[in-house]
Amino acid sequence: MTDASPPAHSPKAFLSHASEDKASFTEPLARDLARLGIDPWLDRWEIRPGDSLVQKLFDEGLATADAVVVIVSRHSATKAWVREELDQGMIARIERGTRLIPVRLDDVEVPAPLRHLVWHNAERSPEGIAKAAQEIADTLHGTTRKPSIGAAPTYTQASAQIPGLASADAFLLTLAIRAAIDTGHPQLLDWPGIERKANEAGLVGANLHESTMALAEQNYLDIRFFGERVNQADLTPYGYDAGIEAVLPDVDEGRRRTIALLVNDPPTGDRIMHELAERANVPLLVVRELLEDLKLRGLLSYSLTIGDHTRLHSVSPTLRRHL
C-alpha cells in the first residue's frame, strides 16, 4: 500500500466550500494543489464514517491549516456552514497568522469580511482550476513573480568616493582623469573612448548624459557640444584636484619626488616636464599640473612652447619648504 501522507514541510490548505462546488471545482483544485506540493484538507478525504464533524473540521482541519482557501460561489454565498468556517478562518488569521485566501467563482459578490483581501478570480474549467492552484501554491511556497535582483552596474562598484559627487559622476570623472593621464594633457580628452568605457561599465544613455552635464555644470569638466554630442572635453584644474587622488592614491608622494628634483637637481634641457616625469616616475599629467600650480604660486618660472617643449627659468629658494 502506498503511503499518501505529505512531506512534513508541505504547507496545509483547508478548502472551505459548498458541497455543490466539490465535484466541479474544489476536488480538482485539491488534486492540483497536491501535485504542487500543498497538503489540501478536503472533507471528502479527511472525514470518515463515525468521525465527529466538529472535531475534524475545526480541531484537526482549521486549527492546523497554514491557509484557509475560501471558495466563494453562488452556492457558498448562502451556506451557514461555510460562513462558520470563514469566521473560524478569520480568528485563525488574527491569532496565528493563518493565511486567508479567497477564490471567487461565478462573479459573485465577495463577503464583506474578505473584501480587504486580494482574491483570485477563477473559472470552472481545467485551465481555470490549474491557474487558481498555481496562484495558491506560489503564495504558500513563498514564490514571487518579482524578478531576481542582479548585481549592481560595474560603475557603482568601481566608483571612487569623491566628496560632492554621485557614484556615476565620480566614475565618469575618474575615466576622464585616466584619459588625461594616458595622453599627458588635460585638454582634448578622447571622449568617444571615455563613453565606450562608461558604456561597458553600465553607465549608458540618459544616465551617462546626466553625469556628463553634472560634471560640466560643476566645473569638473569643460564640455563643448555639437548638438547633443560632445564635441570637445577638457579636464579642468578643479576636476583634476578633486579626482586625482582617487585615481592615483600615492600622487602626493610623486609630487614630493618631483619637488625634490626641482630643488636638488633641477633639469636644464628644453623638455623639463618630460625629464621630471621620467626621473620621478610620475605621470606626465601630474608633473604638468604641479608645475602650473607652482608657477601660479610664484615658486618657479618656466616657459612652454609649441611641441610641448618646456624650459625651466628659476626656482624659488622657498620651494624646499614644501618637501
Protein backbone atom coordinates (compact mmCIF):
# COMPACT_ATOMS: atom_id res chain seq x y z
CA MET A 1 0.00 0.00 0.00
CA THR A 2 1.39 3.39 -0.99
CA ASP A 3 1.93 5.95 1.78
CA ALA A 4 -0.06 9.04 0.66
CA SER A 5 0.96 11.18 3.64
CA PRO A 6 2.52 14.51 2.60
CA PRO A 7 6.10 15.54 3.35
CA ALA A 8 6.48 17.13 6.76
CA HIS A 9 7.28 20.54 5.29
CA SER A 10 4.26 20.74 2.95
CA PRO A 11 2.01 23.76 3.65
CA LYS A 12 -1.51 22.70 4.61
CA ALA A 13 -4.52 24.35 2.96
CA PHE A 14 -8.06 23.94 4.33
CA LEU A 15 -10.61 24.15 1.50
CA SER A 16 -13.82 25.81 2.64
CA HIS A 17 -16.56 25.32 0.04
CA ALA A 18 -20.15 24.45 -0.70
CA SER A 19 -20.86 20.78 -1.49
CA GLU A 20 -22.31 21.82 -4.88
CA ASP A 21 -18.85 23.05 -5.91
CA LYS A 22 -17.00 19.94 -4.79
CA ALA A 23 -17.02 17.87 -7.97
CA SER A 24 -16.79 20.71 -10.49
CA PHE A 25 -14.13 22.80 -8.80
CA THR A 26 -12.94 22.09 -5.24
CA GLU A 27 -11.80 18.48 -5.60
CA PRO A 28 -9.93 19.10 -8.88
CA LEU A 29 -8.37 22.14 -7.22
CA ALA A 30 -7.28 20.00 -4.27
CA ARG A 31 -5.67 17.45 -6.62
CA ASP A 32 -3.77 20.18 -8.45
CA LEU A 33 -2.63 21.65 -5.15
CA ALA A 34 -1.34 18.25 -4.03
CA ARG A 35 0.72 17.98 -7.25
CA LEU A 36 2.18 21.40 -6.47
CA GLY A 37 3.41 20.43 -3.00
CA ILE A 38 0.44 21.67 -0.97
CA ASP A 39 -1.32 19.37 1.51
CA PRO A 40 -5.03 20.01 0.80
CA TRP A 41 -7.56 19.41 3.59
CA LEU A 42 -10.76 18.34 1.84
CA ASP A 43 -13.66 16.98 3.92
CA ARG A 44 -14.32 14.09 1.50
CA TRP A 45 -10.77 12.82 2.02
CA GLU A 46 -10.41 13.53 5.72
CA ILE A 47 -13.76 12.71 7.35
CA ARG A 48 -14.72 9.01 7.71
CA PRO A 49 -17.92 7.38 8.91
CA GLY A 50 -18.30 7.82 12.67
CA ASP A 51 -15.95 10.83 12.90
CA SER A 52 -17.02 13.97 14.75
CA LEU A 53 -17.64 16.72 12.22
CA VAL A 54 -16.79 19.47 14.68
CA GLN A 55 -13.57 17.80 15.78
CA LYS A 56 -12.47 17.01 12.25
CA LEU A 57 -13.38 20.39 10.72
CA PHE A 58 -12.33 22.74 13.48
CA ASP A 59 -9.84 20.90 15.70
CA GLU A 60 -7.95 18.96 13.01
CA GLY A 61 -8.71 20.90 9.84
CA LEU A 62 -8.92 24.64 10.50
CA ALA A 63 -6.80 24.57 13.66
CA THR A 64 -3.77 23.04 11.90
CA ALA A 65 -4.01 24.74 8.49
CA ASP A 66 -1.41 27.18 7.21
CA ALA A 67 -4.05 28.69 4.95
CA VAL A 68 -7.82 28.69 4.60
CA VAL A 69 -8.91 28.77 0.97
CA VAL A 70 -12.47 30.07 0.83
CA ILE A 71 -14.30 29.13 -2.38
CA VAL A 72 -16.81 31.96 -2.85
CA SER A 73 -19.53 30.97 -5.33
CA ARG A 74 -23.24 31.33 -5.98
CA HIS A 75 -23.68 28.16 -3.92
CA SER A 76 -21.47 29.02 -0.93
CA ALA A 77 -22.70 32.59 -0.54
CA THR A 78 -25.79 31.43 1.36
CA LYS A 79 -24.29 28.47 3.25
CA ALA A 80 -24.26 28.93 7.04
CA TRP A 81 -21.63 26.20 7.41
CA VAL A 82 -19.24 27.97 5.02
CA ARG A 83 -19.80 31.19 6.95
CA GLU A 84 -18.90 29.39 10.17
CA GLU A 85 -15.67 28.14 8.60
CA LEU A 86 -14.95 31.66 7.37
CA ASP A 87 -15.43 33.05 10.89
CA GLN A 88 -13.01 30.47 12.26
CA GLY A 89 -10.57 31.28 9.47
CA MET A 90 -10.71 34.99 10.37
CA ILE A 91 -9.97 34.17 14.01
CA ALA A 92 -7.05 31.93 12.99
CA ARG A 93 -5.72 34.71 10.78
CA ILE A 94 -5.74 37.17 13.66
CA GLU A 95 -4.44 34.81 16.34
CA ARG A 96 -1.96 32.66 14.43
CA GLY A 97 -1.30 34.46 11.17
CA THR A 98 -3.10 31.78 9.13
CA ARG A 99 -3.46 32.92 5.52
CA LEU A 100 -6.98 33.54 4.29
CA ILE A 101 -7.18 33.16 0.50
CA PRO A 102 -10.50 33.94 -1.22
CA VAL A 103 -11.16 32.27 -4.58
CA ARG A 104 -14.16 33.78 -6.36
CA LEU A 105 -16.36 31.90 -8.82
CA ASP A 106 -19.38 32.97 -10.86
CA ASP A 107 -18.58 36.69 -10.46
CA VAL A 108 -20.46 36.69 -7.15
CA GLU A 109 -20.08 39.45 -4.60
CA VAL A 110 -17.26 38.77 -2.15
CA PRO A 111 -18.44 38.68 1.50
CA ALA A 112 -17.63 41.82 3.49
CA PRO A 113 -15.03 40.15 5.77
CA LEU A 114 -12.96 39.21 2.70
CA ARG A 115 -13.15 42.44 0.71
CA HIS A 116 -9.98 43.88 2.22
CA LEU A 117 -8.01 40.86 0.99
CA VAL A 118 -6.66 40.20 -2.51
CA TRP A 119 -8.74 37.43 -4.04
CA HIS A 120 -8.27 35.21 -7.06
CA ASN A 121 -10.94 35.20 -9.77
CA ALA A 122 -11.28 31.64 -11.05
CA GLU A 123 -13.20 29.81 -13.76
CA ARG A 124 -14.84 26.37 -13.69
CA SER A 125 -12.54 24.87 -16.30
CA PRO A 126 -9.39 22.72 -16.16
CA GLU A 127 -7.34 25.74 -17.14
CA GLY A 128 -9.04 28.00 -14.58
CA ILE A 129 -8.60 25.40 -11.82
CA ALA A 130 -4.92 24.89 -12.70
CA LYS A 131 -4.32 28.64 -12.66
CA ALA A 132 -6.00 29.01 -9.24
CA ALA A 133 -3.94 26.13 -7.85
CA GLN A 134 -0.73 27.69 -9.14
CA GLU A 135 -1.61 31.04 -7.57
CA ILE A 136 -2.32 29.42 -4.20
CA ALA A 137 0.80 27.23 -4.35
CA ASP A 138 3.02 30.18 -5.26
CA THR A 139 1.62 32.10 -2.29
CA LEU A 140 2.11 29.28 0.22
CA HIS A 141 5.57 28.34 -1.06
CA GLY A 142 6.66 31.98 -0.97
CA THR A 143 7.28 32.09 -4.71
CA THR A 144 7.30 35.56 -6.22
CA ARG A 145 6.90 36.95 -9.72
CA LYS A 146 9.32 39.71 -8.82
CA PRO A 147 12.49 39.29 -10.90
CA SER A 148 15.68 38.46 -9.07
CA ILE A 149 17.93 41.40 -8.30
CA GLY A 150 21.10 41.32 -10.35
CA ALA A 151 24.47 42.73 -9.46
CA ALA A 152 24.82 46.49 -9.37
CA PRO A 153 26.31 48.07 -12.52
CA THR A 154 30.09 47.88 -12.62
CA TYR A 155 30.48 51.64 -12.36
CA THR A 156 28.76 51.69 -8.95
CA GLN A 157 31.14 49.03 -7.65
CA ALA A 158 34.27 50.57 -9.15
CA SER A 159 33.47 54.19 -8.35
CA ALA A 160 35.86 56.04 -6.08
CA GLN A 161 34.37 58.13 -3.32
CA ILE A 162 34.75 61.78 -4.35
CA PRO A 163 33.06 64.24 -1.97
CA GLY A 164 30.12 66.01 -3.54
CA LEU A 165 29.71 63.60 -6.46
CA ALA A 166 27.26 60.77 -7.04
CA SER A 167 28.84 57.41 -7.82
CA ALA A 168 28.11 57.67 -11.56
CA ASP A 169 29.58 61.20 -11.73
CA ALA A 170 32.67 60.13 -9.76
CA PHE A 171 33.18 57.15 -12.07
CA LEU A 172 32.94 59.33 -15.17
CA LEU A 173 35.39 61.85 -13.71
CA THR A 174 37.93 59.10 -12.97
CA LEU A 175 37.61 57.91 -16.58
CA ALA A 176 38.35 61.48 -17.75
CA ILE A 177 41.39 61.70 -15.46
CA ARG A 178 42.72 58.35 -16.69
CA ALA A 179 42.27 59.53 -20.27
CA ALA A 180 44.26 62.69 -19.43
CA ILE A 181 46.99 60.59 -17.80
CA ASP A 182 47.23 58.45 -20.95
CA THR A 183 47.96 61.49 -23.13
CA GLY A 184 49.68 63.66 -20.53
CA HIS A 185 47.30 66.53 -21.34
CA PRO A 186 44.10 67.67 -19.59
CA GLN A 187 42.73 69.08 -22.86
CA LEU A 188 41.18 67.35 -25.84
CA LEU A 189 40.20 64.21 -23.99
CA ASP A 190 39.32 61.12 -26.01
CA TRP A 191 35.62 61.44 -25.23
CA PRO A 192 34.43 58.60 -27.52
CA GLY A 193 36.85 56.30 -25.68
CA ILE A 194 35.58 57.56 -22.31
CA GLU A 195 31.97 56.98 -23.36
CA ARG A 196 32.82 53.48 -24.56
CA LYS A 197 34.37 52.56 -21.21
CA ALA A 198 31.42 54.09 -19.38
CA ASN A 199 29.01 52.02 -21.50
CA GLU A 200 30.97 48.84 -20.79
CA ALA A 201 30.57 49.54 -17.06
CA GLY A 202 26.80 50.03 -17.36
CA LEU A 203 26.69 53.84 -17.48
CA VAL A 204 24.69 54.43 -20.66
CA GLY A 205 22.16 56.64 -22.39
CA ALA A 206 20.36 59.25 -20.32
CA ASN A 207 22.34 58.38 -17.19
CA LEU A 208 25.64 58.97 -18.97
CA HIS A 209 24.38 62.27 -20.39
CA GLU A 210 23.17 63.35 -16.94
CA SER A 211 26.56 62.62 -15.36
CA THR A 212 28.32 64.47 -18.20
CA MET A 213 26.12 67.52 -17.63
CA ALA A 214 26.62 67.34 -13.86
CA LEU A 215 30.42 67.39 -14.24
CA ALA A 216 30.23 70.25 -16.73
CA GLU A 217 27.84 72.33 -14.62
CA GLN A 218 30.01 71.91 -11.52
CA ASN A 219 33.23 72.81 -13.42
CA TYR A 220 34.89 69.41 -13.19
CA LEU A 221 34.96 69.24 -16.98
CA ASP A 222 34.85 71.89 -19.68
CA ILE A 223 32.44 70.46 -22.26
CA ARG A 224 31.58 71.83 -25.68
CA PHE A 225 28.68 70.31 -27.53
CA PHE A 226 27.77 69.91 -31.17
CA GLY A 227 24.02 69.43 -30.90
CA GLU A 228 23.55 66.65 -28.34
CA ARG A 229 27.02 65.22 -28.97
CA VAL A 230 30.13 66.13 -27.00
CA ASN A 231 32.45 67.87 -29.45
CA GLN A 232 35.33 68.59 -27.05
CA ALA A 233 36.01 67.77 -23.43
CA ASP A 234 38.76 69.18 -21.23
CA LEU A 235 39.64 68.32 -17.65
CA THR A 236 39.56 71.47 -15.53
CA PRO A 237 42.10 72.17 -12.76
CA TYR A 238 39.22 71.83 -10.28
CA GLY A 239 38.25 68.45 -11.71
CA TYR A 240 41.88 67.30 -11.64
CA ASP A 241 42.34 68.33 -8.00
CA ALA A 242 39.05 66.73 -6.96
CA GLY A 243 39.69 63.33 -8.51
CA ILE A 244 43.40 62.70 -8.95
CA GLU A 245 43.85 61.03 -5.55
CA ALA A 246 41.01 58.62 -6.38
CA VAL A 247 42.94 57.52 -9.47
CA LEU A 248 46.48 57.81 -8.06
CA PRO A 249 46.39 57.33 -4.27
CA ASP A 250 50.17 57.98 -4.00
CA VAL A 251 50.09 61.21 -6.00
CA ASP A 252 51.35 63.29 -3.05
CA GLU A 253 54.47 61.16 -2.80
CA GLY A 254 55.02 61.62 -6.55
CA ARG A 255 54.71 65.39 -6.13
CA ARG A 256 57.31 65.35 -3.33
CA ARG A 257 59.77 63.40 -5.51
CA THR A 258 59.28 65.94 -8.29
CA ILE A 259 59.79 68.92 -5.97
CA ALA A 260 62.92 67.28 -4.55
CA LEU A 261 64.37 67.08 -8.07
CA LEU A 262 63.50 70.74 -8.72
CA VAL A 263 65.21 71.78 -5.51
CA ASN A 264 68.25 69.48 -5.53
CA ASP A 265 68.92 68.67 -9.18
CA PRO A 266 66.75 70.78 -11.49
CA PRO A 267 66.67 69.75 -15.17
CA THR A 268 68.32 72.10 -17.65
CA GLY A 269 67.09 70.95 -21.06
CA ASP A 270 64.12 72.14 -23.09
CA ARG A 271 61.86 69.24 -22.12
CA ILE A 272 61.98 69.58 -18.36
CA MET A 273 58.43 68.34 -17.90
CA HIS A 274 59.16 65.00 -19.58
CA GLU A 275 62.51 64.68 -17.80
CA LEU A 276 60.94 65.27 -14.39
CA ALA A 277 58.19 62.74 -15.11
CA GLU A 278 60.74 60.11 -16.10
CA ARG A 279 63.16 60.74 -13.25
CA ALA A 280 60.49 60.96 -10.55
CA ASN A 281 58.50 58.07 -12.05
CA VAL A 282 55.37 60.23 -12.09
CA PRO A 283 52.76 60.55 -14.86
CA LEU A 284 53.41 63.49 -17.15
CA LEU A 285 49.99 64.93 -16.31
CA VAL A 286 50.87 65.13 -12.61
CA VAL A 287 54.12 66.96 -13.39
CA ARG A 288 52.33 69.33 -15.79
CA GLU A 289 49.68 70.24 -13.20
CA LEU A 290 52.27 70.56 -10.41
CA LEU A 291 54.48 72.94 -12.44
CA GLU A 292 51.50 75.09 -13.34
CA ASP A 293 50.42 75.24 -9.70
CA LEU A 294 53.92 76.16 -8.51
CA LYS A 295 54.16 78.80 -11.23
CA LEU A 296 50.88 80.39 -10.15
CA ARG A 297 52.14 80.48 -6.57
CA GLY A 298 55.39 82.21 -7.63
CA LEU A 299 57.60 79.29 -6.60
CA LEU A 300 59.16 78.74 -10.02
CA SER A 301 59.19 80.11 -13.53
CA TYR A 302 59.13 78.09 -16.74
CA SER A 303 58.08 78.51 -20.34
CA LEU A 304 56.06 76.22 -22.54
CA THR A 305 56.45 76.36 -26.30
CA ILE A 306 55.00 74.65 -29.35
CA GLY A 307 55.66 70.94 -29.44
CA ASP A 308 55.36 70.59 -25.67
CA HIS A 309 58.88 71.90 -25.12
CA THR A 310 59.43 73.32 -21.64
CA ARG A 311 62.35 75.20 -20.18
CA LEU A 312 62.93 75.98 -16.50
CA HIS A 313 63.97 79.57 -15.74
CA SER A 314 64.09 79.81 -11.97
CA VAL A 315 63.21 78.01 -8.75
CA SER A 316 62.40 79.87 -5.53
CA PRO A 317 64.62 79.00 -2.56
CA THR A 318 61.44 78.61 -0.50
CA LEU A 319 60.28 75.63 -2.61
CA ARG A 320 62.32 73.32 -0.37
CA ARG A 321 59.87 74.15 2.45
CA HIS A 322 57.23 72.15 0.56
CA LEU A 323 59.16 68.88 0.87
